[in-house]
Amino acid sequence: MDKNGQVVDAKSDEKQPSKLLPPPLEDVRKALVCWDDVFSKANTTYESLSDDWVKEHCDKTEESVRQAMFQMREMGFSITPKIHGLECHLVHQMRTVPGGIAMLIHVFGRANLTTHTQFTVQEEKT
């Protein structure tokens, strides 16, 4: 989204006219674009661990979450516990976890794969 609240297509960086879709579908498109922006920022591997870079990145992510939540509420959607978790806890965890959520997911995935592989090897031996 740009500063005027217009949804910007991430691939073309061109503003998409609202007249292409009926209003309900345009609202859904806006919500999906907003959430795509949130998840993209949350899964970004940190370029730097400097306080300035982390603060700027987290501030941008927080603004993206605000926009996505605004769009969800504007459409009258229920806020599920998972969405609440993103709204209230995502950016705090991004600020707290060294390297960000993407690094945490990477490390967890690697540990989970190792554990799964160990169980598979043990099952094959028995």
C-alpha atoms as a PDB file:
ATOM      1  CA  MET A   1       0.000   0.000   0.000  1.00  0.00           C
ATOM      2  CA  ASP A   2       1.172   3.482  -0.664  1.00  0.00           C
ATOM      3  CA  LYS A   3       0.821   6.438   1.720  1.00  0.00           C
ATOM      4  CA  ASN A   4      -2.625   7.272   0.308  1.00  0.00           C
ATOM      5  CA  GLY A   5      -3.983   3.819   1.112  1.00  0.00           C
ATOM      6  CA  GLN A   6      -3.907   2.692  -2.515  1.00  0.00           C
ATOM      7  CA  VAL A   7      -2.905  -0.932  -3.025  1.00  0.00           C
ATOM      8  CA  VAL A   8       0.225  -1.223  -5.120  1.00  0.00           C
ATOM      9  CA  ASP A   9       0.915  -4.410  -7.026  1.00  0.00           C
ATOM     10  CA  ALA A  10       4.265  -5.647  -5.725  1.00  0.00           C
ATOM     11  CA  LYS A  11       5.351  -7.032  -9.102  1.00  0.00           C
ATOM     12  CA  SER A  12       4.624  -4.024 -11.279  1.00  0.00           C
ATOM     13  CA  ASP A  13       4.642  -1.205  -8.715  1.00  0.00           C
ATOM     14  CA  GLU A  14       1.668   0.275 -10.567  1.00  0.00           C
ATOM     15  CA  LYS A  15      -1.500   1.378  -8.821  1.00  0.00           C
ATOM     16  CA  GLN A  16      -4.360  -0.922  -9.690  1.00  0.00           C
ATOM     17  CA  PRO A  17      -7.608   0.873 -10.459  1.00  0.00           C
ATOM     18  CA  SER A  18     -10.466  -0.156  -8.164  1.00  0.00           C
ATOM     19  CA  LYS A  19     -12.889  -0.224 -11.107  1.00  0.00           C
ATOM     20  CA  LEU A  20     -11.465  -3.520 -12.401  1.00  0.00           C
ATOM     21  CA  LEU A  21     -13.138  -5.573  -9.653  1.00  0.00           C
ATOM     22  CA  PRO A  22     -16.506  -5.318  -7.919  1.00  0.00           C
ATOM     23  CA  PRO A  23     -16.130  -3.601  -4.521  1.00  0.00           C
ATOM     24  CA  PRO A  24     -16.300  -6.794  -2.378  1.00  0.00           C
ATOM     25  CA  LEU A  25     -13.615  -8.477  -4.473  1.00  0.00           C
ATOM     26  CA  GLU A  26     -11.483  -5.342  -4.448  1.00  0.00           C
ATOM     27  CA  ASP A  27     -11.658  -5.370  -0.632  1.00  0.00           C
ATOM     28  CA  VAL A  28     -10.516  -8.997  -0.551  1.00  0.00           C
ATOM     29  CA  ARG A  29      -7.706  -8.219  -3.005  1.00  0.00           C
ATOM     30  CA  LYS A  30      -6.551  -5.349  -0.799  1.00  0.00           C
ATOM     31  CA  ALA A  31      -6.554  -7.607   2.268  1.00  0.00           C
ATOM     32  CA  LEU A  32      -4.559 -10.303   0.472  1.00  0.00           C
ATOM     33  CA  VAL A  33      -2.008  -7.799  -0.808  1.00  0.00           C
ATOM     34  CA  CYS A  34      -1.665  -6.343   2.710  1.00  0.00           C
ATOM     35  CA  TRP A  35      -1.140  -9.767   4.299  1.00  0.00           C
ATOM     36  CA  ASP A  36       1.326 -10.718   1.570  1.00  0.00           C
ATOM     37  CA  ASP A  37       3.311  -7.617   2.513  1.00  0.00           C
ATOM     38  CA  VAL A  38       3.211  -8.566   6.220  1.00  0.00           C
ATOM     39  CA  PHE A  39       4.372 -12.142   5.612  1.00  0.00           C
ATOM     40  CA  SER A  40       7.056 -10.985   3.200  1.00  0.00           C
ATOM     41  CA  LYS A  41       8.483  -8.610   5.789  1.00  0.00           C
ATOM     42  CA  ALA A  42       8.167 -11.144   8.621  1.00  0.00           C
ATOM     43  CA  ASN A  43      10.061 -13.764   6.609  1.00  0.00           C
ATOM     44  CA  THR A  44      12.858 -11.432   5.565  1.00  0.00           C
ATOM     45  CA  THR A  45      16.265 -12.587   6.723  1.00  0.00           C
ATOM     46  CA  TYR A  46      17.840  -9.615   8.445  1.00  0.00           C
ATOM     47  CA  GLU A  47      20.423  -7.817   6.333  1.00  0.00           C
ATOM     48  CA  SER A  48      22.010  -6.478   9.490  1.00  0.00           C
ATOM     49  CA  LEU A  49      21.666  -6.828  13.231  1.00  0.00           C
ATOM     50  CA  SER A  50      22.329  -3.127  13.755  1.00  0.00           C
ATOM     51  CA  ASP A  51      19.737  -1.507  15.981  1.00  0.00           C
ATOM     52  CA  ASP A  52      18.866   1.078  13.314  1.00  0.00           C
ATOM     53  CA  TRP A  53      18.190  -1.500  10.585  1.00  0.00           C
ATOM     54  CA  VAL A  54      16.144  -3.757  12.886  1.00  0.00           C
ATOM     55  CA  LYS A  55      14.096  -0.809  14.201  1.00  0.00           C
ATOM     56  CA  GLU A  56      13.339   0.478  10.705  1.00  0.00           C
ATOM     57  CA  HIS A  57      12.410  -2.993   9.408  1.00  0.00           C
ATOM     58  CA  CYS A  58      10.195  -3.727  12.416  1.00  0.00           C
ATOM     59  CA  ASP A  59       8.525  -0.314  12.193  1.00  0.00           C
ATOM     60  CA  LYS A  60       7.680  -0.956   8.526  1.00  0.00           C
ATOM     61  CA  THR A  61       6.336  -4.406   9.402  1.00  0.00           C
ATOM     62  CA  GLU A  62       4.241  -2.933  12.216  1.00  0.00           C
ATOM     63  CA  GLU A  63       2.705  -0.433   9.782  1.00  0.00           C
ATOM     64  CA  SER A  64       1.952  -3.249   7.324  1.00  0.00           C
ATOM     65  CA  VAL A  65       0.217  -5.216  10.096  1.00  0.00           C
ATOM     66  CA  ARG A  66      -1.854  -2.124  10.990  1.00  0.00           C
ATOM     67  CA  GLN A  67      -2.955  -1.724   7.384  1.00  0.00           C
ATOM     68  CA  ALA A  68      -3.844  -5.409   7.041  1.00  0.00           C
ATOM     69  CA  MET A  69      -5.814  -5.378  10.292  1.00  0.00           C
ATOM     70  CA  PHE A  70      -7.608  -2.188   9.261  1.00  0.00           C
ATOM     71  CA  GLN A  71      -8.647  -3.867   6.015  1.00  0.00           C
ATOM     72  CA  MET A  72      -9.868  -6.995   7.877  1.00  0.00           C
ATOM     73  CA  ARG A  73     -11.951  -4.893  10.265  1.00  0.00           C
ATOM     74  CA  GLU A  74     -13.208  -2.700   7.430  1.00  0.00           C
ATOM     75  CA  MET A  75     -14.595  -5.836   5.753  1.00  0.00           C
ATOM     76  CA  GLY A  76     -16.217  -6.955   9.019  1.00  0.00           C
ATOM     77  CA  PHE A  77     -14.134 -10.121   9.373  1.00  0.00           C
ATOM     78  CA  SER A  78     -13.789 -11.807  12.745  1.00  0.00           C
ATOM     79  CA  ILE A  79     -10.367 -11.532  14.306  1.00  0.00           C
ATOM     80  CA  THR A  80      -9.280 -15.089  15.035  1.00  0.00           C
ATOM     81  CA  PRO A  81      -6.729 -15.964  17.742  1.00  0.00           C
ATOM     82  CA  LYS A  82      -4.053 -16.473  15.067  1.00  0.00           C
ATOM     83  CA  ILE A  83      -4.709 -13.067  13.535  1.00  0.00           C
ATOM     84  CA  HIS A  84      -4.717 -11.540  17.033  1.00  0.00           C
ATOM     85  CA  GLY A  85      -1.337 -13.187  17.641  1.00  0.00           C
ATOM     86  CA  LEU A  86       0.066 -11.575  14.517  1.00  0.00           C
ATOM     87  CA  GLU A  87      -1.377  -8.195  15.434  1.00  0.00           C
ATOM     88  CA  CYS A  88      -0.188  -8.166  19.036  1.00  0.00           C
ATOM     89  CA  HIS A  89       2.944 -10.304  19.099  1.00  0.00           C
ATOM     90  CA  LEU A  90       4.627 -10.604  15.682  1.00  0.00           C
ATOM     91  CA  VAL A  91       6.636  -7.383  15.675  1.00  0.00           C
ATOM     92  CA  HIS A  92       7.634  -7.773  19.335  1.00  0.00           C
ATOM     93  CA  GLN A  93       9.046 -11.209  18.516  1.00  0.00           C
ATOM     94  CA  MET A  94      10.806  -9.832  15.444  1.00  0.00           C
ATOM     95  CA  ARG A  95      12.476  -7.219  17.651  1.00  0.00           C
ATOM     96  CA  THR A  96      13.373  -9.840  20.283  1.00  0.00           C
ATOM     97  CA  VAL A  97      14.642 -12.800  18.217  1.00  0.00           C
ATOM     98  CA  PRO A  98      18.190 -12.184  16.960  1.00  0.00           C
ATOM     99  CA  GLY A  99      18.068 -12.419  13.176  1.00  0.00           C
ATOM    100  CA  GLY A 100      14.283 -12.185  13.094  1.00  0.00           C
ATOM    101  CA  ILE A 101      11.491 -14.703  12.677  1.00  0.00           C
ATOM    102  CA  ALA A 102      12.941 -15.978   9.398  1.00  0.00           C
ATOM    103  CA  MET A 103      16.093 -17.100  11.227  1.00  0.00           C
ATOM    104  CA  LEU A 104      14.005 -18.729  13.967  1.00  0.00           C
ATOM    105  CA  ILE A 105      11.958 -20.628  11.361  1.00  0.00           C
ATOM    106  CA  HIS A 106      15.151 -21.707   9.588  1.00  0.00           C
ATOM    107  CA  VAL A 107      16.734 -23.006  12.799  1.00  0.00           C
ATOM    108  CA  PHE A 108      13.492 -24.688  13.925  1.00  0.00           C
ATOM    109  CA  GLY A 109      13.048 -26.295  10.508  1.00  0.00           C
ATOM    110  CA  ARG A 110      16.571 -27.646  10.534  1.00  0.00           C
ATOM    111  CA  ALA A 111      16.165 -29.010  14.089  1.00  0.00           C
ATOM    112  CA  ASN A 112      12.783 -30.519  13.196  1.00  0.00           C
ATOM    113  CA  LEU A 113      14.222 -32.185  10.086  1.00  0.00           C
ATOM    114  CA  THR A 114      17.105 -33.615  12.135  1.00  0.00           C
ATOM    115  CA  THR A 115      14.697 -35.002  14.741  1.00  0.00           C
ATOM    116  CA  HIS A 116      12.437 -36.476  12.042  1.00  0.00           C
ATOM    117  CA  THR A 117      15.438 -38.096  10.349  1.00  0.00           C
ATOM    118  CA  GLN A 118      16.607 -39.609  13.649  1.00  0.00           C
ATOM    119  CA  PHE A 119      13.156 -41.135  14.286  1.00  0.00           C
ATOM    120  CA  THR A 120      12.997 -42.507  10.744  1.00  0.00           C
ATOM    121  CA  VAL A 121      16.430 -44.163  11.109  1.00  0.00           C
ATOM    122  CA  GLN A 122      15.425 -45.698  14.462  1.00  0.00           C
ATOM    123  CA  GLU A 123      12.178 -47.051  13.002  1.00  0.00           C
ATOM    124  CA  GLU A 124      14.040 -48.658  10.107  1.00  0.00           C
ATOM    125  CA  LYS A 125      16.449 -50.417  12.510  1.00  0.00           C
ATOM    126  CA  THR A 126      13.663 -52.035  14.511  1.00  0.00           C
END
